[in-house]
Amino acid sequence: MSTTPAQNVSDHLANERTFLAWIRTSIAVMGLGFVVAKFAVWLRELSARLPGPPVTQHGNLSTYLGIAMIGVGAGLSILAAWRYRAVRLAILNGTLATADRTTIGVSVITALIAIALIAYMIASAG
């Protein structure tokens, strides 16, 4: 089936919007990772300013979780560029480019990050 130039342009613009959404998501994940990494520092500062002995538990866990989230955000940026290129080539070739493995992979990684954050919040609350 042949596509008209207008359809082709529309497909390329949709691909670019999707790419930009991936980039926006990766920036958000990296930003949240930075906040999580600095959370322990903020808690230590707050504890030092409160009366009584400073409390320092779970000091490095948030740092490691934050670094992992920053890494996942960077990985999403690379995946976004790879996916953009694959879809662009599929549009040019007139083939369908589904992303089942990519979709499932990103969903699993997001769920694992959510589980790690929930576990951290439960551990630091007790």
PDB file of N, CA and C in Angstrom:
ATOM      1  N   MET A   1       0.846  -1.169   0.000  1.00  0.00           N
ATOM      2  CA  MET A   1       0.000   0.000   0.000  1.00  0.00           C
ATOM      3  C   MET A   1       0.891   1.231   0.000  1.00  0.00           C
ATOM      4  N   SER A   2       0.592   2.159  -0.864  1.00  0.00           N
ATOM      5  CA  SER A   2       1.387   3.369  -1.007  1.00  0.00           C
ATOM      6  C   SER A   2       0.780   4.493  -0.180  1.00  0.00           C
ATOM      7  N   THR A   3       1.634   5.313   0.402  1.00  0.00           N
ATOM      8  CA  THR A   3       1.159   6.448   1.185  1.00  0.00           C
ATOM      9  C   THR A   3       1.440   7.733   0.429  1.00  0.00           C
ATOM     10  N   THR A   4       0.594   8.704   0.660  1.00  0.00           N
ATOM     11  CA  THR A   4       0.800  10.006   0.035  1.00  0.00           C
ATOM     12  C   THR A   4       1.831  10.774   0.845  1.00  0.00           C
ATOM     13  N   PRO A   5       2.470  11.791   0.239  1.00  0.00           N
ATOM     14  CA  PRO A   5       3.448  12.579   0.990  1.00  0.00           C
ATOM     15  C   PRO A   5       2.864  13.220   2.247  1.00  0.00           C
ATOM     16  N   ALA A   6       1.591  13.629   2.196  1.00  0.00           N
ATOM     17  CA  ALA A   6       0.969  14.239   3.382  1.00  0.00           C
ATOM     18  C   ALA A   6       0.850  13.222   4.514  1.00  0.00           C
ATOM     19  N   GLN A   7       0.485  11.981   4.193  1.00  0.00           N
ATOM     20  CA  GLN A   7       0.413  10.941   5.225  1.00  0.00           C
ATOM     21  C   GLN A   7       1.797  10.657   5.789  1.00  0.00           C
ATOM     22  N   ASN A   8       2.779  10.630   4.922  1.00  0.00           N
ATOM     23  CA  ASN A   8       4.144  10.367   5.345  1.00  0.00           C
ATOM     24  C   ASN A   8       4.638  11.460   6.305  1.00  0.00           C
ATOM     25  N   VAL A   9       4.352  12.704   5.989  1.00  0.00           N
ATOM     26  CA  VAL A   9       4.743  13.822   6.859  1.00  0.00           C
ATOM     27  C   VAL A   9       4.048  13.689   8.210  1.00  0.00           C
ATOM     28  N   SER A  10       2.772  13.366   8.184  1.00  0.00           N
ATOM     29  CA  SER A  10       2.013  13.185   9.424  1.00  0.00           C
ATOM     30  C   SER A  10       2.618  12.074  10.284  1.00  0.00           C
ATOM     31  N   ASP A  11       3.004  10.990   9.650  1.00  0.00           N
ATOM     32  CA  ASP A  11       3.625   9.882  10.384  1.00  0.00           C
ATOM     33  C   ASP A  11       4.957  10.304  11.000  1.00  0.00           C
ATOM     34  N   HIS A  12       5.752  11.030  10.243  1.00  0.00           N
ATOM     35  CA  HIS A  12       7.043  11.494  10.768  1.00  0.00           C
ATOM     36  C   HIS A  12       6.861  12.473  11.925  1.00  0.00           C
ATOM     37  N   LEU A  13       5.882  13.351  11.808  1.00  0.00           N
ATOM     38  CA  LEU A  13       5.621  14.295  12.904  1.00  0.00           C
ATOM     39  C   LEU A  13       5.119  13.575  14.151  1.00  0.00           C
ATOM     40  N   ALA A  14       4.282  12.561  13.967  1.00  0.00           N
ATOM     41  CA  ALA A  14       3.820  11.764  15.106  1.00  0.00           C
ATOM     42  C   ALA A  14       4.988  11.031  15.754  1.00  0.00           C
ATOM     43  N   ASN A  15       5.893  10.516  14.935  1.00  0.00           N
ATOM     44  CA  ASN A  15       7.082   9.846  15.457  1.00  0.00           C
ATOM     45  C   ASN A  15       7.927  10.824  16.275  1.00  0.00           C
ATOM     46  N   GLU A  16       8.066  12.039  15.775  1.00  0.00           N
ATOM     47  CA  GLU A  16       8.848  13.037  16.503  1.00  0.00           C
ATOM     48  C   GLU A  16       8.183  13.421  17.821  1.00  0.00           C
ATOM     49  N   ARG A  17       6.854  13.552  17.831  1.00  0.00           N
ATOM     50  CA  ARG A  17       6.142  13.850  19.081  1.00  0.00           C
ATOM     51  C   ARG A  17       6.342  12.726  20.098  1.00  0.00           C
ATOM     52  N   THR A  18       6.300  11.495  19.613  1.00  0.00           N
ATOM     53  CA  THR A  18       6.528  10.366  20.504  1.00  0.00           C
ATOM     54  C   THR A  18       7.948  10.388  21.064  1.00  0.00           C
ATOM     55  N   PHE A  19       8.910  10.684  20.209  1.00  0.00           N
ATOM     56  CA  PHE A  19      10.301  10.800  20.661  1.00  0.00           C
ATOM     57  C   PHE A  19      10.426  11.870  21.742  1.00  0.00           C
ATOM     58  N   LEU A  20       9.817  13.017  21.521  1.00  0.00           N
ATOM     59  CA  LEU A  20       9.893  14.093  22.510  1.00  0.00           C
ATOM     60  C   LEU A  20       9.210  13.706  23.825  1.00  0.00           C
ATOM     61  N   ALA A  21       8.143  12.926  23.754  1.00  0.00           N
ATOM     62  CA  ALA A  21       7.495  12.438  24.975  1.00  0.00           C
ATOM     63  C   ALA A  21       8.436  11.510  25.740  1.00  0.00           C
ATOM     64  N   TRP A  22       9.163  10.649  25.020  1.00  0.00           N
ATOM     65  CA  TRP A  22      10.150   9.769  25.662  1.00  0.00           C
ATOM     66  C   TRP A  22      11.228  10.602  26.341  1.00  0.00           C
ATOM     67  N   ILE A  23      11.707  11.638  25.648  1.00  0.00           N
ATOM     68  CA  ILE A  23      12.758  12.492  26.224  1.00  0.00           C
ATOM     69  C   ILE A  23      12.230  13.206  27.470  1.00  0.00           C
ATOM     70  N   ARG A  24      11.014  13.714  27.386  1.00  0.00           N
ATOM     71  CA  ARG A  24      10.405  14.375  28.551  1.00  0.00           C
ATOM     72  C   ARG A  24      10.297  13.404  29.724  1.00  0.00           C
ATOM     73  N   THR A  25       9.912  12.185  29.451  1.00  0.00           N
ATOM     74  CA  THR A  25       9.818  11.169  30.499  1.00  0.00           C
ATOM     75  C   THR A  25      11.188  10.854  31.076  1.00  0.00           C
ATOM     76  N   SER A  26      12.198  10.739  30.233  1.00  0.00           N
ATOM     77  CA  SER A  26      13.542  10.424  30.738  1.00  0.00           C
ATOM     78  C   SER A  26      14.071  11.566  31.604  1.00  0.00           C
ATOM     79  N   ILE A  27      13.785  12.803  31.235  1.00  0.00           N
ATOM     80  CA  ILE A  27      14.198  13.939  32.058  1.00  0.00           C
ATOM     81  C   ILE A  27      13.477  13.910  33.406  1.00  0.00           C
ATOM     82  N   ALA A  28      12.201  13.575  33.392  1.00  0.00           N
ATOM     83  CA  ALA A  28      11.444  13.485  34.640  1.00  0.00           C
ATOM     84  C   ALA A  28      11.992  12.385  35.549  1.00  0.00           C
ATOM     85  N   VAL A  29      12.319  11.226  34.968  1.00  0.00           N
ATOM     86  CA  VAL A  29      12.877  10.125  35.764  1.00  0.00           C
ATOM     87  C   VAL A  29      14.235  10.529  36.355  1.00  0.00           C
ATOM     88  N   MET A  30      15.069  11.189  35.552  1.00  0.00           N
ATOM     89  CA  MET A  30      16.368  11.636  36.064  1.00  0.00           C
ATOM     90  C   MET A  30      16.199  12.692  37.148  1.00  0.00           C
ATOM     91  N   GLY A  31      15.249  13.605  36.970  1.00  0.00           N
ATOM     92  CA  GLY A  31      14.992  14.616  37.988  1.00  0.00           C
ATOM     93  C   GLY A  31      14.503  14.001  39.288  1.00  0.00           C
ATOM     94  N   LEU A  32      13.599  13.042  39.183  1.00  0.00           N
ATOM     95  CA  LEU A  32      13.121  12.353  40.377  1.00  0.00           C
ATOM     96  C   LEU A  32      14.250  11.564  41.030  1.00  0.00           C
ATOM     97  N   GLY A  33      15.109  10.972  40.204  1.00  0.00           N
ATOM     98  CA  GLY A  33      16.261  10.256  40.751  1.00  0.00           C
ATOM     99  C   GLY A  33      17.183  11.181  41.527  1.00  0.00           C
ATOM    100  N   PHE A  34      17.381  12.387  41.024  1.00  0.00           N
ATOM    101  CA  PHE A  34      18.202  13.360  41.735  1.00  0.00           C
ATOM    102  C   PHE A  34      17.576  13.707  43.084  1.00  0.00           C
ATOM    103  N   VAL A  35      16.264  13.926  43.097  1.00  0.00           N
ATOM    104  CA  VAL A  35      15.568  14.243  44.346  1.00  0.00           C
ATOM    105  C   VAL A  35      15.689  13.091  45.336  1.00  0.00           C
ATOM    106  N   VAL A  36      15.491  11.872  44.864  1.00  0.00           N
ATOM    107  CA  VAL A  36      15.605  10.703  45.746  1.00  0.00           C
ATOM    108  C   VAL A  36      17.031  10.582  46.278  1.00  0.00           C
ATOM    109  N   ALA A  37      18.029  10.816  45.423  1.00  0.00           N
ATOM    110  CA  ALA A  37      19.430  10.707  45.856  1.00  0.00           C
ATOM    111  C   ALA A  37      19.758  11.747  46.925  1.00  0.00           C
ATOM    112  N   LYS A  38      19.189  12.911  46.815  1.00  0.00           N
ATOM    113  CA  LYS A  38      19.471  13.976  47.783  1.00  0.00           C
ATOM    114  C   LYS A  38      18.570  13.925  49.012  1.00  0.00           C
ATOM    115  N   PHE A  39      17.609  13.012  49.015  1.00  0.00           N
ATOM    116  CA  PHE A  39      16.678  12.902  50.133  1.00  0.00           C
ATOM    117  C   PHE A  39      17.397  12.576  51.439  1.00  0.00           C
ATOM    118  N   ALA A  40      18.352  11.668  51.409  1.00  0.00           N
ATOM    119  CA  ALA A  40      19.096  11.297  52.615  1.00  0.00           C
ATOM    120  C   ALA A  40      19.899  12.479  53.139  1.00  0.00           C
ATOM    121  N   VAL A  41      20.474  13.247  52.238  1.00  0.00           N
ATOM    122  CA  VAL A  41      21.229  14.433  52.655  1.00  0.00           C
ATOM    123  C   VAL A  41      20.294  15.414  53.353  1.00  0.00           C
ATOM    124  N   TRP A  42      19.121  15.620  52.792  1.00  0.00           N
ATOM    125  CA  TRP A  42      18.157  16.531  53.392  1.00  0.00           C
ATOM    126  C   TRP A  42      17.711  16.030  54.771  1.00  0.00           C
ATOM    127  N   LEU A  43      17.482  14.726  54.885  1.00  0.00           N
ATOM    128  CA  LEU A  43      17.089  14.172  56.184  1.00  0.00           C
ATOM    129  C   LEU A  43      18.190  14.343  57.224  1.00  0.00           C
ATOM    130  N   ARG A  44      19.455  14.141  56.825  1.00  0.00           N
ATOM    131  CA  ARG A  44      20.562  14.338  57.763  1.00  0.00           C
ATOM    132  C   ARG A  44      20.650  15.794  58.216  1.00  0.00           C
ATOM    133  N   GLU A  45      20.483  16.713  57.284  1.00  0.00           N
ATOM    134  CA  GLU A  45      20.505  18.142  57.627  1.00  0.00           C
ATOM    135  C   GLU A  45      19.375  18.485  58.586  1.00  0.00           C
ATOM    136  N   LEU A  46      18.197  17.982  58.308  1.00  0.00           N
ATOM    137  CA  LEU A  46      17.047  18.239  59.158  1.00  0.00           C
ATOM    138  C   LEU A  46      17.259  17.642  60.540  1.00  0.00           C
ATOM    139  N   SER A  47      17.783  16.426  60.603  1.00  0.00           N
ATOM    140  CA  SER A  47      18.021  15.758  61.871  1.00  0.00           C
ATOM    141  C   SER A  47      19.054  16.511  62.704  1.00  0.00           C
ATOM    142  N   ALA A  48      20.059  17.072  62.053  1.00  0.00           N
ATOM    143  CA  ALA A  48      21.098  17.811  62.772  1.00  0.00           C
ATOM    144  C   ALA A  48      20.556  19.099  63.375  1.00  0.00           C
ATOM    145  N   ARG A  49      19.547  19.675  62.789  1.00  0.00           N
ATOM    146  CA  ARG A  49      18.989  20.940  63.276  1.00  0.00           C
ATOM    147  C   ARG A  49      17.928  20.751  64.345  1.00  0.00           C
ATOM    148  N   LEU A  50      17.404  19.543  64.479  1.00  0.00           N
ATOM    149  CA  LEU A  50      16.393  19.279  65.496  1.00  0.00           C
ATOM    150  C   LEU A  50      17.058  18.980  66.825  1.00  0.00           C
ATOM    151  N   PRO A  51      16.377  19.287  67.928  1.00  0.00           N
ATOM    152  CA  PRO A  51      16.965  18.965  69.240  1.00  0.00           C
ATOM    153  C   PRO A  51      17.064  17.456  69.442  1.00  0.00           C
ATOM    154  N   GLY A  52      18.063  17.050  70.192  1.00  0.00           N
ATOM    155  CA  GLY A  52      18.281  15.630  70.450  1.00  0.00           C
ATOM    156  C   GLY A  52      19.380  15.086  69.565  1.00  0.00           C
ATOM    157  N   PRO A  53      19.711  13.821  69.770  1.00  0.00           N
ATOM    158  CA  PRO A  53      20.784  13.219  68.963  1.00  0.00           C
ATOM    159  C   PRO A  53      20.341  13.043  67.506  1.00  0.00           C
ATOM    160  N   PRO A  54      21.275  13.252  66.557  1.00  0.00           N
ATOM    161  CA  PRO A  54      20.920  13.063  65.144  1.00  0.00           C
ATOM    162  C   PRO A  54      20.602  11.610  64.829  1.00  0.00           C
ATOM    163  N   VAL A  55      19.640  11.415  63.998  1.00  0.00           N
ATOM    164  CA  VAL A  55      19.240  10.074  63.575  1.00  0.00           C
ATOM    165  C   VAL A  55      19.771   9.854  62.166  1.00  0.00           C
ATOM    166  N   THR A  56      20.549   8.782  61.992  1.00  0.00           N
ATOM    167  CA  THR A  56      21.103   8.474  60.667  1.00  0.00           C
ATOM    168  C   THR A  56      20.867   7.012  60.345  1.00  0.00           C
ATOM    169  N   GLN A  57      19.707   6.723  59.794  1.00  0.00           N
ATOM    170  CA  GLN A  57      19.433   5.353  59.359  1.00  0.00           C
ATOM    171  C   GLN A  57      19.106   5.362  57.877  1.00  0.00           C
ATOM    172  N   HIS A  58      19.416   4.291  57.207  1.00  0.00           N
ATOM    173  CA  HIS A  58      19.171   4.146  55.767  1.00  0.00           C
ATOM    174  C   HIS A  58      19.876   5.245  54.984  1.00  0.00           C
ATOM    175  N   GLY A  59      21.087   5.581  55.363  1.00  0.00           N
ATOM    176  CA  GLY A  59      21.794   6.710  54.781  1.00  0.00           C
ATOM    177  C   GLY A  59      22.066   6.627  53.301  1.00  0.00           C
ATOM    178  N   ASN A  60      22.516   5.483  52.814  1.00  0.00           N
ATOM    179  CA  ASN A  60      22.938   5.411  51.419  1.00  0.00           C
ATOM    180  C   ASN A  60      21.912   4.789  50.487  1.00  0.00           C
ATOM    181  N   LEU A  61      20.860   4.218  51.030  1.00  0.00           N
ATOM    182  CA  LEU A  61      19.882   3.548  50.176  1.00  0.00           C
ATOM    183  C   LEU A  61      19.238   4.520  49.194  1.00  0.00           C
ATOM    184  N   SER A  62      18.854   5.700  49.663  1.00  0.00           N
ATOM    185  CA  SER A  62      18.230   6.659  48.744  1.00  0.00           C
ATOM    186  C   SER A  62      19.226   7.140  47.700  1.00  0.00           C
ATOM    187  N   THR A  63      20.495   7.233  48.065  1.00  0.00           N
ATOM    188  CA  THR A  63      21.510   7.626  47.094  1.00  0.00           C
ATOM    189  C   THR A  63      21.600   6.588  45.976  1.00  0.00           C
ATOM    190  N   TYR A  64      21.638   5.309  46.339  1.00  0.00           N
ATOM    191  CA  TYR A  64      21.725   4.254  45.331  1.00  0.00           C
ATOM    192  C   TYR A  64      20.465   4.181  44.466  1.00  0.00           C
ATOM    193  N   LEU A  65      19.292   4.337  45.099  1.00  0.00           N
ATOM    194  CA  LEU A  65      18.048   4.345  44.327  1.00  0.00           C
ATOM    195  C   LEU A  65      18.021   5.527  43.364  1.00  0.00           C
ATOM    196  N   GLY A  66      18.450   6.686  43.836  1.00  0.00           N
ATOM    197  CA  GLY A  66      18.480   7.868  42.985  1.00  0.00           C
ATOM    198  C   GLY A  66      19.431   7.710  41.809  1.00  0.00           C
ATOM    199  N   ILE A  67      20.604   7.170  42.089  1.00  0.00           N
ATOM    200  CA  ILE A  67      21.570   6.935  41.007  1.00  0.00           C
ATOM    201  C   ILE A  67      21.012   5.945  39.997  1.00  0.00           C
ATOM    202  N   ALA A  68      20.342   4.906  40.484  1.00  0.00           N
ATOM    203  CA  ALA A  68      19.726   3.926  39.579  1.00  0.00           C
ATOM    204  C   ALA A  68      18.657   4.591  38.714  1.00  0.00           C
ATOM    205  N   MET A  69      17.861   5.462  39.305  1.00  0.00           N
ATOM    206  CA  MET A  69      16.823   6.149  38.534  1.00  0.00           C
ATOM    207  C   MET A  69      17.428   7.094  37.503  1.00  0.00           C
ATOM    208  N   ILE A  70      18.510   7.769  37.857  1.00  0.00           N
ATOM    209  CA  ILE A  70      19.187   8.636  36.889  1.00  0.00           C
ATOM    210  C   ILE A  70      19.714   7.787  35.731  1.00  0.00           C
ATOM    211  N   GLY A  71      20.260   6.615  36.044  1.00  0.00           N
ATOM    212  CA  GLY A  71      20.731   5.703  35.001  1.00  0.00           C
ATOM    213  C   GLY A  71      19.598   5.214  34.114  1.00  0.00           C
ATOM    214  N   VAL A  72      18.458   4.904  34.717  1.00  0.00           N
ATOM    215  CA  VAL A  72      17.303   4.468  33.923  1.00  0.00           C
ATOM    216  C   VAL A  72      16.835   5.606  33.020  1.00  0.00           C
ATOM    217  N   GLY A  73      16.829   6.827  33.535  1.00  0.00           N
ATOM    218  CA  GLY A  73      16.445   7.977  32.715  1.00  0.00           C
ATOM    219  C   GLY A  73      17.380   8.160  31.531  1.00  0.00           C
ATOM    220  N   ALA A  74      18.668   8.004  31.778  1.00  0.00           N
ATOM    221  CA  ALA A  74      19.639   8.095  30.677  1.00  0.00           C
ATOM    222  C   ALA A  74      19.417   6.974  29.668  1.00  0.00           C
ATOM    223  N   GLY A  75      19.144   5.780  30.174  1.00  0.00           N
ATOM    224  CA  GLY A  75      18.848   4.654  29.290  1.00  0.00           C
ATOM    225  C   GLY A  75      17.598   4.894  28.456  1.00  0.00           C
ATOM    226  N   LEU A  76      16.588   5.529  29.055  1.00  0.00           N
ATOM    227  CA  LEU A  76      15.380   5.858  28.307  1.00  0.00           C
ATOM    228  C   LEU A  76      15.679   6.826  27.163  1.00  0.00           C
ATOM    229  N   SER A  77      16.594   7.759  27.394  1.00  0.00           N
ATOM    230  CA  SER A  77      16.978   8.694  26.329  1.00  0.00           C
ATOM    231  C   SER A  77      17.597   7.949  25.151  1.00  0.00           C
ATOM    232  N   ILE A  78      18.472   7.011  25.460  1.00  0.00           N
ATOM    233  CA  ILE A  78      19.103   6.219  24.398  1.00  0.00           C
ATOM    234  C   ILE A  78      18.065   5.351  23.696  1.00  0.00           C
ATOM    235  N   LEU A  79      17.185   4.733  24.480  1.00  0.00           N
ATOM    236  CA  LEU A  79      16.118   3.911  23.901  1.00  0.00           C
ATOM    237  C   LEU A  79      15.201   4.757  23.023  1.00  0.00           C
ATOM    238  N   ALA A  80      14.933   5.986  23.440  1.00  0.00           N
ATOM    239  CA  ALA A  80      14.083   6.883  22.653  1.00  0.00           C
ATOM    240  C   ALA A  80      14.708   7.157  21.285  1.00  0.00           C
ATOM    241  N   ALA A  81      16.002   7.434  21.273  1.00  0.00           N
ATOM    242  CA  ALA A  81      16.684   7.707  20.003  1.00  0.00           C
ATOM    243  C   ALA A  81      16.672   6.460  19.106  1.00  0.00           C
ATOM    244  N   TRP A  82      16.927   5.300  19.703  1.00  0.00           N
ATOM    245  CA  TRP A  82      16.918   4.051  18.940  1.00  0.00           C
ATOM    246  C   TRP A  82      15.529   3.782  18.366  1.00  0.00           C
ATOM    247  N   ARG A  83      14.516   3.972  19.194  1.00  0.00           N
ATOM    248  CA  ARG A  83      13.133   3.714  18.766  1.00  0.00           C
ATOM    249  C   ARG A  83      12.701   4.708  17.687  1.00  0.00           C
ATOM    250  N   TYR A  84      13.080   5.968  17.848  1.00  0.00           N
ATOM    251  CA  TYR A  84      12.762   6.989  16.847  1.00  0.00           C
ATOM    252  C   TYR A  84      13.331   6.596  15.489  1.00  0.00           C
ATOM    253  N   ARG A  85      14.581   6.165  15.498  1.00  0.00           N
ATOM    254  CA  ARG A  85      15.235   5.775  14.245  1.00  0.00           C
ATOM    255  C   ARG A  85      14.567   4.553  13.618  1.00  0.00           C
ATOM    256  N   ALA A  86      14.231   3.572  14.448  1.00  0.00           N
ATOM    257  CA  ALA A  86      13.578   2.355  13.940  1.00  0.00           C
ATOM    258  C   ALA A  86      12.220   2.687  13.317  1.00  0.00           C
ATOM    259  N   VAL A  87      11.454   3.533  13.968  1.00  0.00           N
ATOM    260  CA  VAL A  87      10.138   3.899  13.436  1.00  0.00           C
ATOM    261  C   VAL A  87      10.294   4.744  12.173  1.00  0.00           C
ATOM    262  N   ARG A  88      11.278   5.635  12.168  1.00  0.00           N
ATOM    263  CA  ARG A  88      11.529   6.469  10.986  1.00  0.00           C
ATOM    264  C   ARG A  88      11.835   5.586   9.767  1.00  0.00           C
ATOM    265  N   LEU A  89      12.702   4.605   9.964  1.00  0.00           N
ATOM    266  CA  LEU A  89      13.025   3.695   8.863  1.00  0.00           C
ATOM    267  C   LEU A  89      11.807   2.879   8.436  1.00  0.00           C
ATOM    268  N   ALA A  90      10.985   2.472   9.393  1.00  0.00           N
ATOM    269  CA  ALA A  90       9.775   1.709   9.061  1.00  0.00           C
ATOM    270  C   ALA A  90       8.803   2.574   8.262  1.00  0.00           C
ATOM    271  N   ILE A  91       8.702   3.848   8.618  1.00  0.00           N
ATOM    272  CA  ILE A  91       7.825   4.754   7.860  1.00  0.00           C
ATOM    273  C   ILE A  91       8.347   4.901   6.441  1.00  0.00           C
ATOM    274  N   LEU A  92       9.649   5.094   6.314  1.00  0.00           N
ATOM    275  CA  LEU A  92      10.235   5.255   4.981  1.00  0.00           C
ATOM    276  C   LEU A  92      10.085   4.002   4.129  1.00  0.00           C
ATOM    277  N   ASN A  93      10.161   2.832   4.780  1.00  0.00           N
ATOM    278  CA  ASN A  93      10.036   1.563   4.054  1.00  0.00           C
ATOM    279  C   ASN A  93       8.588   1.120   3.889  1.00  0.00           C
ATOM    280  N   GLY A  94       7.673   1.788   4.575  1.00  0.00           N
ATOM    281  CA  GLY A  94       6.265   1.404   4.495  1.00  0.00           C
ATOM    282  C   GLY A  94       5.937   0.140   5.244  1.00  0.00           C
ATOM    283  N   THR A  95       6.714  -0.173   6.268  1.00  0.00           N
ATOM    284  CA  THR A  95       6.462  -1.373   7.072  1.00  0.00           C
ATOM    285  C   THR A  95       5.960  -0.976   8.452  1.00  0.00           C
ATOM    286  N   LEU A  96       5.347  -1.915   9.119  1.00  0.00           N
ATOM    287  CA  LEU A  96       4.848  -1.677  10.464  1.00  0.00           C
ATOM    288  C   LEU A  96       5.943  -1.992  11.476  1.00  0.00           C
ATOM    289  N   ALA A  97       6.143  -1.092  12.422  1.00  0.00           N
ATOM    290  CA  ALA A  97       7.180  -1.307  13.433  1.00  0.00           C
ATOM    291  C   ALA A  97       6.536  -1.291  14.812  1.00  0.00           C
ATOM    292  N   THR A  98       6.204  -2.469  15.313  1.00  0.00           N
ATOM    293  CA  THR A  98       5.633  -2.549  16.653  1.00  0.00           C
ATOM    294  C   THR A  98       6.743  -2.614  17.682  1.00  0.00           C
ATOM    295  N   ALA A  99       6.410  -2.285  18.905  1.00  0.00           N
ATOM    296  CA  ALA A  99       7.417  -2.198  19.957  1.00  0.00           C
ATOM    297  C   ALA A  99       7.030  -3.029  21.169  1.00  0.00           C
ATOM    298  N   ASP A 100       6.649  -4.276  20.948  1.00  0.00           N
ATOM    299  CA  ASP A 100       6.202  -5.113  22.058  1.00  0.00           C
ATOM    300  C   ASP A 100       7.276  -5.289  23.120  1.00  0.00           C
ATOM    301  N   ARG A 101       8.486  -5.654  22.712  1.00  0.00           N
ATOM    302  CA  ARG A 101       9.567  -5.874  23.689  1.00  0.00           C
ATOM    303  C   ARG A 101       9.934  -4.576  24.401  1.00  0.00           C
ATOM    304  N   THR A 102       9.984  -3.481  23.666  1.00  0.00           N
ATOM    305  CA  THR A 102      10.318  -2.197  24.274  1.00  0.00           C
ATOM    306  C   THR A 102       9.265  -1.790  25.288  1.00  0.00           C
ATOM    307  N   THR A 103       8.005  -1.925  24.916  1.00  0.00           N
ATOM    308  CA  THR A 103       6.914  -1.551  25.806  1.00  0.00           C
ATOM    309  C   THR A 103       6.931  -2.388  27.086  1.00  0.00           C
ATOM    310  N   ILE A 104       7.091  -3.674  26.934  1.00  0.00           N
ATOM    311  CA  ILE A 104       7.120  -4.559  28.104  1.00  0.00           C
ATOM    312  C   ILE A 104       8.358  -4.267  28.959  1.00  0.00           C
ATOM    313  N   GLY A 105       9.496  -4.073  28.333  1.00  0.00           N
ATOM    314  CA  GLY A 105      10.728  -3.781  29.069  1.00  0.00           C
ATOM    315  C   GLY A 105      10.638  -2.508  29.882  1.00  0.00           C
ATOM    316  N   VAL A 106      10.151  -1.437  29.264  1.00  0.00           N
ATOM    317  CA  VAL A 106      10.018  -0.168  29.980  1.00  0.00           C
ATOM    318  C   VAL A 106       9.006  -0.302  31.110  1.00  0.00           C
ATOM    319  N   SER A 107       7.927  -1.028  30.881  1.00  0.00           N
ATOM    320  CA  SER A 107       6.915  -1.230  31.926  1.00  0.00           C
ATOM    321  C   SER A 107       7.481  -2.008  33.104  1.00  0.00           C
ATOM    322  N   VAL A 108       8.246  -3.046  32.837  1.00  0.00           N
ATOM    323  CA  VAL A 108       8.841  -3.844  33.919  1.00  0.00           C
ATOM    324  C   VAL A 108       9.843  -3.007  34.710  1.00  0.00           C
ATOM    325  N   ILE A 109      10.683  -2.255  34.020  1.00  0.00           N
ATOM    326  CA  ILE A 109      11.664  -1.414  34.713  1.00  0.00           C
ATOM    327  C   ILE A 109      10.964  -0.366  35.580  1.00  0.00           C
ATOM    328  N   THR A 110       9.904   0.241  35.053  1.00  0.00           N
ATOM    329  CA  THR A 110       9.154   1.225  35.824  1.00  0.00           C
ATOM    330  C   THR A 110       8.524   0.590  37.057  1.00  0.00           C
ATOM    331  N   ALA A 111       7.965  -0.591  36.896  1.00  0.00           N
ATOM    332  CA  ALA A 111       7.366  -1.291  38.038  1.00  0.00           C
ATOM    333  C   ALA A 111       8.426  -1.647  39.080  1.00  0.00           C
ATOM    334  N   LEU A 112       9.604  -2.076  38.641  1.00  0.00           N
ATOM    335  CA  LEU A 112      10.678  -2.402  39.591  1.00  0.00           C
ATOM    336  C   LEU A 112      11.137  -1.168  40.362  1.00  0.00           C
ATOM    337  N   ILE A 113      11.226  -0.034  39.688  1.00  0.00           N
ATOM    338  CA  ILE A 113      11.591   1.210  40.377  1.00  0.00           C
ATOM    339  C   ILE A 113      10.518   1.568  41.400  1.00  0.00           C
ATOM    340  N   ALA A 114       9.257   1.424  41.016  1.00  0.00           N
ATOM    341  CA  ALA A 114       8.167   1.716  41.949  1.00  0.00           C
ATOM    342  C   ALA A 114       8.229   0.802  43.168  1.00  0.00           C
ATOM    343  N   ILE A 115       8.494  -0.467  42.957  1.00  0.00           N
ATOM    344  CA  ILE A 115       8.597  -1.417  44.075  1.00  0.00           C
ATOM    345  C   ILE A 115       9.770  -1.045  44.976  1.00  0.00           C
ATOM    346  N   ALA A 116      10.902  -0.687  44.381  1.00  0.00           N
ATOM    347  CA  ALA A 116      12.067  -0.286  45.181  1.00  0.00           C
ATOM    348  C   ALA A 116      11.768   0.973  45.998  1.00  0.00           C
ATOM    349  N   LEU A 117      11.087   1.941  45.401  1.00  0.00           N
ATOM    350  CA  LEU A 117      10.739   3.157  46.140  1.00  0.00           C
ATOM    351  C   LEU A 117       9.756   2.884  47.262  1.00  0.00           C
ATOM    352  N   ILE A 118       8.791   2.009  47.006  1.00  0.00           N
ATOM    353  CA  ILE A 118       7.829   1.630  48.058  1.00  0.00           C
ATOM    354  C   ILE A 118       8.561   0.936  49.196  1.00  0.00           C
ATOM    355  N   ALA A 119       9.435   0.012  48.879  1.00  0.00           N
ATOM    356  CA  ALA A 119      10.198  -0.691  49.915  1.00  0.00           C
ATOM    357  C   ALA A 119      11.050   0.291  50.703  1.00  0.00           C
ATOM    358  N   TYR A 120      11.673   1.244  50.027  1.00  0.00           N
ATOM    359  CA  TYR A 120      12.476   2.252  50.718  1.00  0.00           C
ATOM    360  C   TYR A 120      11.616   3.090  51.654  1.00  0.00           C
ATOM    361  N   MET A 121      10.459   3.509  51.191  1.00  0.00           N
ATOM    362  CA  MET A 121       9.585   4.330  52.026  1.00  0.00           C
ATOM    363  C   MET A 121       9.105   3.558  53.249  1.00  0.00           C
ATOM    364  N   ILE A 122       8.807   2.277  53.081  1.00  0.00           N
ATOM    365  CA  ILE A 122       8.385   1.447  54.214  1.00  0.00           C
ATOM    366  C   ILE A 122       9.546   1.272  55.186  1.00  0.00           C
ATOM    367  N   ALA A 123      10.742   1.009  54.674  1.00  0.00           N
ATOM    368  CA  ALA A 123      11.913   0.800  55.540  1.00  0.00           C
ATOM    369  C   ALA A 123      12.283   2.065  56.290  1.00  0.00           C
ATOM    370  N   SER A 124      12.171   3.217  55.660  1.00  0.00           N
ATOM    371  CA  SER A 124      12.579   4.454  56.318  1.00  0.00           C
ATOM    372  C   SER A 124      11.475   4.981  57.247  1.00  0.00           C
ATOM    373  N   ALA A 125      10.244   4.476  57.136  1.00  0.00           N
ATOM    374  CA  ALA A 125       9.173   4.908  58.023  1.00  0.00           C
ATOM    375  C   ALA A 125       9.240   4.187  59.363  1.00  0.00           C
ATOM    376  N   GLY A 126       9.851   3.021  59.384  1.00  0.00           N
ATOM    377  CA  GLY A 126       9.870   2.202  60.600  1.00  0.00           C
ATOM    378  C   GLY A 126      11.054   2.380  61.452  1.00  0.00           C
TER     379      GLY A 126
END
